[in-house]
Amino acid sequence: MKQRFYEDYDNQISTLIRMFPEKHKDESGNPFWSGPKRYPKPIDFDQTDELHLDYIFAGANLIADCLCIEKNNDRDEVERMAEEAEIDENVDTEINLEDEEEKKGSSGKSKSTTKQNEVSQDEIDELIEEILELDGDKDEISPAEFEKDDSTNHHIDFINAASNLRARNYRLEE
């Protein structure tokens, strides 16, 4: 989860800033970061920040639940684990931004604006191997069914943390 945090709230934003610096102008000479586009800031992971830990805690427990392995409800232990976890900062992020007219192709429907990272077969095989090494029933991987009214399943906690982190990227009210 710490890697996912890095990719979503630090690396993607840093890539966006490199592509479009604060004073960047669009093709018409207008400031790129104007109107609805706010200039973002990357977030460095800080395990002492409650929101960062909420994201890690809820996300890790959601994944554990899907993999049918024991959840960890000890926030202090999750904080310690997050502090010790290493991240791979050599992640390539491709961002393809189009203006509103380009997004709407000839059909008038909105097209996707973000390219997904390509994953090699070696990376897939490595992930499968890591999953098979986990404790739990390897024959049972269970998708999470969203349930907003169960406060023990971490669904709303994760959504809240993820959306507030994105708000923090763009200096919006949390």
N, C-alpha and C. Protein backbone atom coordinates (compact mmCIF):
# COMPACT_ATOMS: atom_id res chain seq x y z
N MET A 1 0.81 -1.20 0.00
CA MET A 1 0.00 0.00 0.00
C MET A 1 0.86 1.27 0.00
N LYS A 2 2.02 1.19 0.61
CA LYS A 2 2.90 2.36 0.61
C LYS A 2 3.35 2.66 -0.82
N GLN A 3 3.60 1.61 -1.61
CA GLN A 3 3.97 1.80 -3.01
C GLN A 3 2.83 2.45 -3.77
N ARG A 4 1.60 1.98 -3.53
CA ARG A 4 0.43 2.56 -4.20
C ARG A 4 0.28 4.03 -3.81
N PHE A 5 0.51 4.33 -2.52
CA PHE A 5 0.45 5.71 -2.05
C PHE A 5 1.45 6.56 -2.83
N TYR A 6 2.69 6.06 -2.93
CA TYR A 6 3.73 6.79 -3.65
C TYR A 6 3.33 7.04 -5.10
N GLU A 7 2.84 5.99 -5.76
CA GLU A 7 2.49 6.12 -7.17
C GLU A 7 1.34 7.10 -7.39
N ASP A 8 0.31 7.04 -6.55
CA ASP A 8 -0.88 7.86 -6.76
C ASP A 8 -0.77 9.30 -6.28
N TYR A 9 -0.09 9.52 -5.18
CA TYR A 9 -0.12 10.85 -4.57
C TYR A 9 1.21 11.60 -4.65
N ASP A 10 2.26 10.92 -5.07
CA ASP A 10 3.56 11.56 -5.21
C ASP A 10 4.02 11.49 -6.66
N ASN A 11 4.24 10.29 -7.17
CA ASN A 11 4.83 10.12 -8.50
C ASN A 11 3.96 10.66 -9.63
N GLN A 12 2.67 10.33 -9.63
CA GLN A 12 1.79 10.84 -10.69
C GLN A 12 1.76 12.36 -10.69
N ILE A 13 1.70 12.94 -9.53
CA ILE A 13 1.65 14.40 -9.42
C ILE A 13 2.98 15.01 -9.84
N SER A 14 4.09 14.40 -9.43
CA SER A 14 5.41 14.90 -9.84
C SER A 14 5.58 14.83 -11.35
N THR A 15 5.07 13.76 -11.96
CA THR A 15 5.13 13.62 -13.42
C THR A 15 4.30 14.71 -14.09
N LEU A 16 3.12 14.95 -13.56
CA LEU A 16 2.25 15.99 -14.10
C LEU A 16 2.93 17.36 -14.02
N ILE A 17 3.59 17.63 -12.91
CA ILE A 17 4.28 18.91 -12.72
C ILE A 17 5.46 19.04 -13.69
N ARG A 18 6.18 17.94 -13.92
CA ARG A 18 7.28 17.99 -14.89
C ARG A 18 6.76 18.27 -16.29
N MET A 19 5.62 17.69 -16.63
CA MET A 19 5.03 17.89 -17.96
C MET A 19 4.47 19.30 -18.11
N PHE A 20 3.89 19.81 -17.03
CA PHE A 20 3.23 21.11 -17.07
C PHE A 20 3.64 21.92 -15.85
N PRO A 21 4.81 22.59 -15.90
CA PRO A 21 5.27 23.40 -14.75
C PRO A 21 4.24 24.49 -14.42
N GLU A 22 4.41 25.09 -13.27
CA GLU A 22 3.43 26.05 -12.77
C GLU A 22 3.16 27.19 -13.75
N LYS A 23 4.15 27.65 -14.47
CA LYS A 23 3.97 28.79 -15.41
C LYS A 23 3.72 28.33 -16.85
N HIS A 24 3.41 27.06 -17.06
CA HIS A 24 3.20 26.51 -18.40
C HIS A 24 2.03 27.19 -19.10
N LYS A 25 2.20 27.43 -20.38
CA LYS A 25 1.14 28.03 -21.20
C LYS A 25 0.62 26.98 -22.18
N ASP A 26 -0.67 27.02 -22.47
CA ASP A 26 -1.23 26.10 -23.46
C ASP A 26 -0.92 26.61 -24.87
N GLU A 27 -1.41 25.91 -25.88
CA GLU A 27 -1.10 26.28 -27.26
C GLU A 27 -1.56 27.69 -27.62
N SER A 28 -2.56 28.19 -26.93
CA SER A 28 -3.08 29.54 -27.20
C SER A 28 -2.35 30.62 -26.42
N GLY A 29 -1.39 30.20 -25.59
CA GLY A 29 -0.66 31.16 -24.78
C GLY A 29 -1.29 31.47 -23.44
N ASN A 30 -2.37 30.77 -23.11
CA ASN A 30 -3.04 30.97 -21.82
C ASN A 30 -2.39 30.09 -20.76
N PRO A 31 -2.43 30.54 -19.51
CA PRO A 31 -1.87 29.70 -18.44
C PRO A 31 -2.57 28.34 -18.41
N PHE A 32 -1.78 27.27 -18.40
CA PHE A 32 -2.33 25.92 -18.32
C PHE A 32 -3.08 25.72 -17.01
N TRP A 33 -2.47 26.16 -15.91
CA TRP A 33 -3.06 26.00 -14.59
C TRP A 33 -3.96 27.20 -14.29
N SER A 34 -5.14 27.18 -14.85
CA SER A 34 -6.11 28.25 -14.61
C SER A 34 -7.51 27.66 -14.67
N GLY A 35 -8.48 28.45 -14.27
CA GLY A 35 -9.86 27.97 -14.27
C GLY A 35 -10.01 26.77 -13.35
N PRO A 36 -10.54 25.67 -13.88
CA PRO A 36 -10.77 24.50 -13.02
C PRO A 36 -9.49 23.69 -12.74
N LYS A 37 -8.41 23.99 -13.45
CA LYS A 37 -7.16 23.25 -13.25
C LYS A 37 -6.32 23.91 -12.18
N ARG A 38 -6.20 23.26 -11.04
CA ARG A 38 -5.37 23.77 -9.95
C ARG A 38 -3.98 23.14 -10.04
N TYR A 39 -2.99 23.94 -9.75
CA TYR A 39 -1.63 23.42 -9.72
C TYR A 39 -1.48 22.50 -8.51
N PRO A 40 -1.08 21.24 -8.74
CA PRO A 40 -1.01 20.28 -7.63
C PRO A 40 0.33 20.30 -6.91
N LYS A 41 0.39 19.57 -5.82
CA LYS A 41 1.66 19.36 -5.13
C LYS A 41 1.73 17.89 -4.73
N PRO A 42 2.90 17.28 -4.92
CA PRO A 42 3.05 15.88 -4.52
C PRO A 42 3.03 15.76 -3.00
N ILE A 43 2.68 14.58 -2.53
CA ILE A 43 2.64 14.31 -1.09
C ILE A 43 3.69 13.25 -0.78
N ASP A 44 4.62 13.58 0.10
CA ASP A 44 5.58 12.60 0.60
C ASP A 44 4.91 11.80 1.71
N PHE A 45 5.10 10.48 1.67
CA PHE A 45 4.50 9.64 2.70
C PHE A 45 5.08 9.96 4.07
N ASP A 46 4.20 10.10 5.05
CA ASP A 46 4.59 10.35 6.43
C ASP A 46 3.73 9.48 7.32
N GLN A 47 4.30 8.41 7.86
CA GLN A 47 3.52 7.46 8.65
C GLN A 47 2.95 8.07 9.92
N THR A 48 3.40 9.26 10.31
CA THR A 48 2.83 9.90 11.49
C THR A 48 1.61 10.76 11.14
N ASP A 49 1.33 10.95 9.86
CA ASP A 49 0.15 11.69 9.42
C ASP A 49 -1.04 10.72 9.46
N GLU A 50 -2.04 11.04 10.25
CA GLU A 50 -3.19 10.14 10.43
C GLU A 50 -3.87 9.79 9.11
N LEU A 51 -3.98 10.75 8.19
CA LEU A 51 -4.63 10.48 6.91
C LEU A 51 -3.82 9.48 6.09
N HIS A 52 -2.51 9.61 6.11
CA HIS A 52 -1.65 8.67 5.39
C HIS A 52 -1.83 7.27 5.97
N LEU A 53 -1.83 7.19 7.29
CA LEU A 53 -1.99 5.90 7.94
C LEU A 53 -3.40 5.33 7.71
N ASP A 54 -4.41 6.18 7.68
CA ASP A 54 -5.78 5.72 7.36
C ASP A 54 -5.80 5.03 6.01
N TYR A 55 -5.14 5.63 5.02
CA TYR A 55 -5.09 5.07 3.67
C TYR A 55 -4.41 3.70 3.68
N ILE A 56 -3.25 3.62 4.32
CA ILE A 56 -2.50 2.36 4.38
C ILE A 56 -3.29 1.31 5.15
N PHE A 57 -3.81 1.68 6.30
CA PHE A 57 -4.53 0.76 7.18
C PHE A 57 -5.77 0.19 6.48
N ALA A 58 -6.60 1.07 5.94
CA ALA A 58 -7.83 0.61 5.29
C ALA A 58 -7.51 -0.17 4.02
N GLY A 59 -6.60 0.32 3.21
CA GLY A 59 -6.25 -0.37 1.96
C GLY A 59 -5.66 -1.74 2.19
N ALA A 60 -4.75 -1.84 3.15
CA ALA A 60 -4.12 -3.13 3.44
C ALA A 60 -5.16 -4.13 3.95
N ASN A 61 -6.08 -3.66 4.77
CA ASN A 61 -7.11 -4.57 5.28
C ASN A 61 -8.11 -4.96 4.21
N LEU A 62 -8.39 -4.09 3.26
CA LEU A 62 -9.24 -4.45 2.12
C LEU A 62 -8.58 -5.55 1.28
N ILE A 63 -7.29 -5.38 1.03
CA ILE A 63 -6.57 -6.39 0.25
C ILE A 63 -6.50 -7.71 1.00
N ALA A 64 -6.22 -7.65 2.29
CA ALA A 64 -6.17 -8.88 3.10
C ALA A 64 -7.51 -9.60 3.04
N ASP A 65 -8.59 -8.85 3.13
CA ASP A 65 -9.92 -9.45 3.07
C ASP A 65 -10.14 -10.15 1.72
N CYS A 66 -9.75 -9.51 0.64
CA CYS A 66 -9.91 -10.09 -0.70
C CYS A 66 -9.05 -11.34 -0.87
N LEU A 67 -7.88 -11.37 -0.25
CA LEU A 67 -6.98 -12.51 -0.37
C LEU A 67 -7.25 -13.59 0.68
N CYS A 68 -8.29 -13.35 1.49
CA CYS A 68 -8.68 -14.31 2.53
C CYS A 68 -7.53 -14.59 3.50
N ILE A 69 -6.80 -13.54 3.85
CA ILE A 69 -5.76 -13.67 4.86
C ILE A 69 -6.15 -12.79 6.04
N GLU A 70 -5.52 -13.04 7.16
CA GLU A 70 -5.89 -12.33 8.39
C GLU A 70 -5.65 -10.82 8.25
N LYS A 71 -6.65 -10.05 8.66
CA LYS A 71 -6.51 -8.60 8.67
C LYS A 71 -5.70 -8.19 9.89
N ASN A 72 -5.09 -7.02 9.81
CA ASN A 72 -4.33 -6.49 10.93
C ASN A 72 -5.02 -5.23 11.42
N ASN A 73 -5.65 -5.30 12.57
CA ASN A 73 -6.37 -4.16 13.12
C ASN A 73 -5.57 -3.40 14.18
N ASP A 74 -4.27 -3.67 14.24
CA ASP A 74 -3.38 -2.98 15.17
C ASP A 74 -2.73 -1.81 14.43
N ARG A 75 -3.27 -0.61 14.61
CA ARG A 75 -2.77 0.56 13.87
C ARG A 75 -1.30 0.84 14.17
N ASP A 76 -0.87 0.62 15.39
CA ASP A 76 0.54 0.85 15.73
C ASP A 76 1.45 -0.08 14.93
N GLU A 77 1.03 -1.33 14.80
CA GLU A 77 1.83 -2.29 14.03
C GLU A 77 1.82 -1.93 12.54
N VAL A 78 0.67 -1.51 12.04
CA VAL A 78 0.58 -1.10 10.63
C VAL A 78 1.46 0.12 10.40
N GLU A 79 1.48 1.05 11.34
CA GLU A 79 2.34 2.23 11.23
C GLU A 79 3.82 1.81 11.17
N ARG A 80 4.21 0.89 12.05
CA ARG A 80 5.59 0.40 12.07
C ARG A 80 5.93 -0.29 10.74
N MET A 81 5.01 -1.11 10.25
CA MET A 81 5.24 -1.81 8.99
C MET A 81 5.36 -0.83 7.83
N ALA A 82 4.52 0.20 7.84
CA ALA A 82 4.56 1.21 6.78
C ALA A 82 5.88 1.97 6.81
N GLU A 83 6.35 2.26 8.01
CA GLU A 83 7.63 2.97 8.14
C GLU A 83 8.77 2.14 7.56
N GLU A 84 8.73 0.84 7.78
CA GLU A 84 9.80 -0.05 7.32
C GLU A 84 9.68 -0.42 5.84
N ALA A 85 8.50 -0.32 5.28
CA ALA A 85 8.28 -0.71 3.88
C ALA A 85 9.07 0.19 2.94
N GLU A 86 9.69 -0.42 1.95
CA GLU A 86 10.44 0.34 0.96
C GLU A 86 9.57 0.54 -0.28
N ILE A 87 9.85 1.61 -0.99
CA ILE A 87 9.12 1.86 -2.23
C ILE A 87 10.11 1.88 -3.39
N ASP A 88 9.60 1.55 -4.55
CA ASP A 88 10.38 1.60 -5.78
C ASP A 88 10.08 2.95 -6.44
N GLU A 89 11.05 3.84 -6.39
CA GLU A 89 10.84 5.17 -6.96
C GLU A 89 11.09 5.21 -8.47
N ASN A 90 11.46 4.08 -9.05
CA ASN A 90 11.73 4.01 -10.48
C ASN A 90 10.49 3.54 -11.23
N VAL A 91 9.36 4.13 -10.93
CA VAL A 91 8.10 3.79 -11.56
C VAL A 91 7.85 4.78 -12.68
N ASP A 92 7.60 4.25 -13.87
CA ASP A 92 7.28 5.12 -15.00
C ASP A 92 5.79 5.44 -14.97
N THR A 93 5.48 6.70 -15.09
CA THR A 93 4.09 7.13 -15.15
C THR A 93 3.89 7.91 -16.43
N GLU A 94 2.94 7.47 -17.23
CA GLU A 94 2.60 8.19 -18.46
C GLU A 94 1.27 8.87 -18.25
N ILE A 95 1.22 10.13 -18.52
CA ILE A 95 -0.04 10.87 -18.40
C ILE A 95 -0.31 11.52 -19.74
N ASN A 96 -1.50 11.31 -20.26
CA ASN A 96 -1.89 11.88 -21.53
C ASN A 96 -3.08 12.79 -21.29
N LEU A 97 -2.83 14.08 -21.27
CA LEU A 97 -3.91 15.03 -21.04
C LEU A 97 -4.37 15.61 -22.37
N GLU A 98 -5.66 15.70 -22.52
CA GLU A 98 -6.24 16.30 -23.72
C GLU A 98 -7.18 17.40 -23.26
N ASP A 99 -7.32 18.43 -24.06
CA ASP A 99 -8.28 19.44 -23.65
C ASP A 99 -9.70 18.93 -23.93
N GLU A 100 -10.68 19.64 -23.46
CA GLU A 100 -12.06 19.17 -23.51
C GLU A 100 -12.53 18.83 -24.92
N GLU A 101 -12.13 19.62 -25.93
CA GLU A 101 -12.56 19.35 -27.29
C GLU A 101 -11.94 18.05 -27.81
N GLU A 102 -10.68 17.80 -27.44
CA GLU A 102 -10.02 16.57 -27.88
C GLU A 102 -10.59 15.36 -27.17
N LYS A 103 -10.99 15.51 -25.90
CA LYS A 103 -11.55 14.40 -25.14
C LYS A 103 -12.81 13.88 -25.80
N LYS A 104 -13.60 14.79 -26.34
CA LYS A 104 -14.83 14.39 -27.00
C LYS A 104 -14.50 14.16 -28.47
N GLY A 105 -14.38 12.91 -28.80
CA GLY A 105 -14.07 12.55 -30.18
C GLY A 105 -15.24 12.90 -31.08
N SER A 106 -15.23 12.39 -32.27
CA SER A 106 -16.31 12.68 -33.21
C SER A 106 -17.66 12.20 -32.68
N SER A 107 -17.65 11.22 -31.76
CA SER A 107 -18.90 10.73 -31.21
C SER A 107 -19.45 11.66 -30.12
N GLY A 108 -18.63 12.59 -29.64
CA GLY A 108 -19.06 13.49 -28.58
C GLY A 108 -18.93 12.87 -27.20
N LYS A 109 -18.45 11.63 -27.13
CA LYS A 109 -18.29 10.97 -25.84
C LYS A 109 -16.89 11.17 -25.32
N SER A 110 -16.76 11.23 -24.02
CA SER A 110 -15.47 11.46 -23.38
C SER A 110 -14.58 10.23 -23.51
N LYS A 111 -13.30 10.44 -23.86
CA LYS A 111 -12.33 9.36 -23.94
C LYS A 111 -11.47 9.38 -22.69
N SER A 112 -10.83 8.25 -22.40
CA SER A 112 -9.93 8.15 -21.26
C SER A 112 -8.75 9.09 -21.46
N THR A 113 -8.31 9.73 -20.37
CA THR A 113 -7.20 10.67 -20.49
C THR A 113 -5.94 10.21 -19.79
N THR A 114 -5.96 9.08 -19.11
CA THR A 114 -4.77 8.61 -18.42
C THR A 114 -4.42 7.22 -18.92
N LYS A 115 -3.17 7.04 -19.35
CA LYS A 115 -2.71 5.72 -19.79
C LYS A 115 -2.29 4.92 -18.57
N GLN A 116 -2.62 3.66 -18.56
CA GLN A 116 -2.20 2.79 -17.47
C GLN A 116 -0.75 2.39 -17.69
N ASN A 117 -0.03 2.14 -16.60
CA ASN A 117 1.34 1.65 -16.71
C ASN A 117 1.33 0.29 -17.35
N GLU A 118 2.27 0.03 -18.24
CA GLU A 118 2.39 -1.29 -18.83
C GLU A 118 3.12 -2.19 -17.85
N VAL A 119 2.66 -3.43 -17.75
CA VAL A 119 3.24 -4.38 -16.83
C VAL A 119 3.80 -5.54 -17.64
N SER A 120 5.03 -5.91 -17.35
CA SER A 120 5.66 -7.01 -18.09
C SER A 120 5.17 -8.34 -17.55
N GLN A 121 5.34 -9.38 -18.34
CA GLN A 121 4.96 -10.72 -17.91
C GLN A 121 5.78 -11.14 -16.70
N ASP A 122 7.06 -10.72 -16.64
CA ASP A 122 7.90 -11.04 -15.49
C ASP A 122 7.32 -10.44 -14.21
N GLU A 123 6.82 -9.20 -14.29
CA GLU A 123 6.22 -8.55 -13.13
C GLU A 123 4.95 -9.28 -12.69
N ILE A 124 4.16 -9.71 -13.66
CA ILE A 124 2.94 -10.45 -13.35
C ILE A 124 3.30 -11.77 -12.66
N ASP A 125 4.27 -12.49 -13.22
CA ASP A 125 4.71 -13.77 -12.64
C ASP A 125 5.23 -13.57 -11.22
N GLU A 126 5.97 -12.49 -11.00
CA GLU A 126 6.52 -12.20 -9.66
C GLU A 126 5.39 -11.93 -8.67
N LEU A 127 4.38 -11.17 -9.09
CA LEU A 127 3.24 -10.90 -8.21
C LEU A 127 2.47 -12.16 -7.88
N ILE A 128 2.27 -13.02 -8.87
CA ILE A 128 1.57 -14.28 -8.64
C ILE A 128 2.35 -15.12 -7.63
N GLU A 129 3.65 -15.16 -7.79
CA GLU A 129 4.50 -15.92 -6.86
C GLU A 129 4.38 -15.36 -5.43
N GLU A 130 4.39 -14.03 -5.31
CA GLU A 130 4.25 -13.42 -3.98
C GLU A 130 2.89 -13.75 -3.36
N ILE A 131 1.84 -13.73 -4.16
CA ILE A 131 0.50 -14.05 -3.65
C ILE A 131 0.45 -15.50 -3.18
N LEU A 132 1.05 -16.39 -3.94
CA LEU A 132 1.04 -17.81 -3.57
C LEU A 132 1.81 -18.08 -2.29
N GLU A 133 2.76 -17.20 -1.95
CA GLU A 133 3.53 -17.37 -0.73
C GLU A 133 2.79 -16.87 0.51
N LEU A 134 1.69 -16.15 0.32
CA LEU A 134 0.93 -15.61 1.44
C LEU A 134 0.20 -16.72 2.17
N ASP A 135 -0.01 -16.50 3.47
CA ASP A 135 -0.83 -17.43 4.24
C ASP A 135 -2.27 -17.24 3.81
N GLY A 136 -3.03 -18.29 3.90
CA GLY A 136 -4.44 -18.21 3.55
C GLY A 136 -4.79 -19.24 2.50
N ASP A 137 -6.04 -19.29 2.15
CA ASP A 137 -6.54 -20.25 1.18
C ASP A 137 -6.27 -19.72 -0.22
N LYS A 138 -5.28 -20.31 -0.88
CA LYS A 138 -4.88 -19.83 -2.20
C LYS A 138 -5.95 -20.05 -3.27
N ASP A 139 -6.87 -20.97 -2.99
CA ASP A 139 -7.92 -21.24 -3.96
C ASP A 139 -9.07 -20.25 -3.84
N GLU A 140 -9.02 -19.44 -2.81
CA GLU A 140 -10.12 -18.53 -2.58
C GLU A 140 -9.64 -17.09 -2.54
N ILE A 141 -9.91 -16.38 -3.60
CA ILE A 141 -9.71 -14.94 -3.63
C ILE A 141 -11.10 -14.36 -3.80
N SER A 142 -11.47 -13.51 -2.89
CA SER A 142 -12.84 -13.04 -2.83
C SER A 142 -12.92 -11.55 -3.11
N PRO A 143 -13.62 -11.15 -4.16
CA PRO A 143 -13.77 -9.71 -4.41
C PRO A 143 -14.58 -9.07 -3.29
N ALA A 144 -14.23 -7.85 -2.98
CA ALA A 144 -14.96 -7.13 -1.93
C ALA A 144 -16.26 -6.59 -2.51
N GLU A 145 -17.34 -6.85 -1.82
CA GLU A 145 -18.62 -6.29 -2.21
C GLU A 145 -18.82 -5.03 -1.39
N PHE A 146 -18.97 -3.91 -2.06
CA PHE A 146 -19.07 -2.63 -1.38
C PHE A 146 -20.27 -2.60 -0.44
N GLU A 147 -20.01 -2.25 0.80
CA GLU A 147 -21.06 -2.13 1.81
C GLU A 147 -20.77 -0.89 2.65
N LYS A 148 -21.52 0.16 2.40
CA LYS A 148 -21.27 1.44 3.06
C LYS A 148 -21.69 1.47 4.53
N ASP A 149 -22.58 0.58 4.93
CA ASP A 149 -23.12 0.64 6.28
C ASP A 149 -22.36 -0.20 7.30
N ASP A 150 -21.32 -0.92 6.86
CA ASP A 150 -20.53 -1.74 7.79
C ASP A 150 -19.23 -1.00 8.08
N SER A 151 -19.14 -0.42 9.27
CA SER A 151 -17.96 0.40 9.60
C SER A 151 -16.72 -0.45 9.87
N THR A 152 -16.86 -1.77 9.95
CA THR A 152 -15.71 -2.62 10.24
C THR A 152 -15.01 -3.14 8.99
N ASN A 153 -15.57 -2.87 7.80
CA ASN A 153 -14.99 -3.45 6.58
C ASN A 153 -13.98 -2.53 5.88
N HIS A 154 -13.81 -1.33 6.36
CA HIS A 154 -12.81 -0.37 5.87
C HIS A 154 -13.13 0.23 4.49
N HIS A 155 -14.30 -0.05 3.92
CA HIS A 155 -14.63 0.49 2.60
C HIS A 155 -14.71 2.01 2.62
N ILE A 156 -15.53 2.55 3.48
CA ILE A 156 -15.71 4.00 3.55
C ILE A 156 -14.43 4.67 4.04
N ASP A 157 -13.72 4.02 4.96
CA ASP A 157 -12.45 4.56 5.46
C ASP A 157 -11.46 4.75 4.31
N PHE A 158 -11.39 3.77 3.42
CA PHE A 158 -10.46 3.86 2.29
C PHE A 158 -10.88 4.96 1.32
N ILE A 159 -12.16 4.99 0.99
CA ILE A 159 -12.67 6.02 0.07
C ILE A 159 -12.42 7.41 0.65
N ASN A 160 -12.67 7.57 1.93
CA ASN A 160 -12.46 8.85 2.60
C ASN A 160 -10.98 9.25 2.55
N ALA A 161 -10.10 8.32 2.90
CA ALA A 161 -8.66 8.64 2.90
C ALA A 161 -8.17 8.96 1.50
N ALA A 162 -8.56 8.15 0.51
CA ALA A 162 -8.10 8.36 -0.86
C ALA A 162 -8.59 9.71 -1.41
N SER A 163 -9.84 10.03 -1.17
CA SER A 163 -10.36 11.30 -1.70
C SER A 163 -9.76 12.50 -0.97
N ASN A 164 -9.52 12.38 0.33
CA ASN A 164 -8.90 13.50 1.06
C ASN A 164 -7.44 13.68 0.68
N LEU A 165 -6.75 12.59 0.35
CA LEU A 165 -5.37 12.73 -0.13
C LEU A 165 -5.34 13.44 -1.48
N ARG A 166 -6.27 13.08 -2.37
CA ARG A 166 -6.32 13.77 -3.67
C ARG A 166 -6.67 15.24 -3.45
N ALA A 167 -7.57 15.53 -2.52
CA ALA A 167 -7.90 16.93 -2.21
C ALA A 167 -6.65 17.66 -1.72
N ARG A 168 -5.85 16.98 -0.92
CA ARG A 168 -4.62 17.58 -0.41
C ARG A 168 -3.65 17.85 -1.57
N ASN A 169 -3.58 16.95 -2.54
CA ASN A 169 -2.73 17.19 -3.72
C ASN A 169 -3.08 18.51 -4.39
N TYR A 170 -4.36 18.83 -4.44
CA TYR A 170 -4.82 20.02 -5.15
C TYR A 170 -5.22 21.16 -4.21
N ARG A 171 -4.82 21.05 -2.94
CA ARG A 171 -5.07 22.09 -1.95
C ARG A 171 -6.56 22.44 -1.86
N LEU A 172 -7.39 21.39 -1.85
CA LEU A 172 -8.82 21.57 -1.67
C LEU A 172 -9.18 21.23 -0.23
N GLU A 173 -10.32 21.69 0.21
CA GLU A 173 -10.74 21.40 1.58
C GLU A 173 -10.95 19.90 1.74
N GLU A 174 -10.43 19.35 2.83
CA GLU A 174 -10.60 17.91 3.12
C GLU A 174 -11.89 17.67 3.84
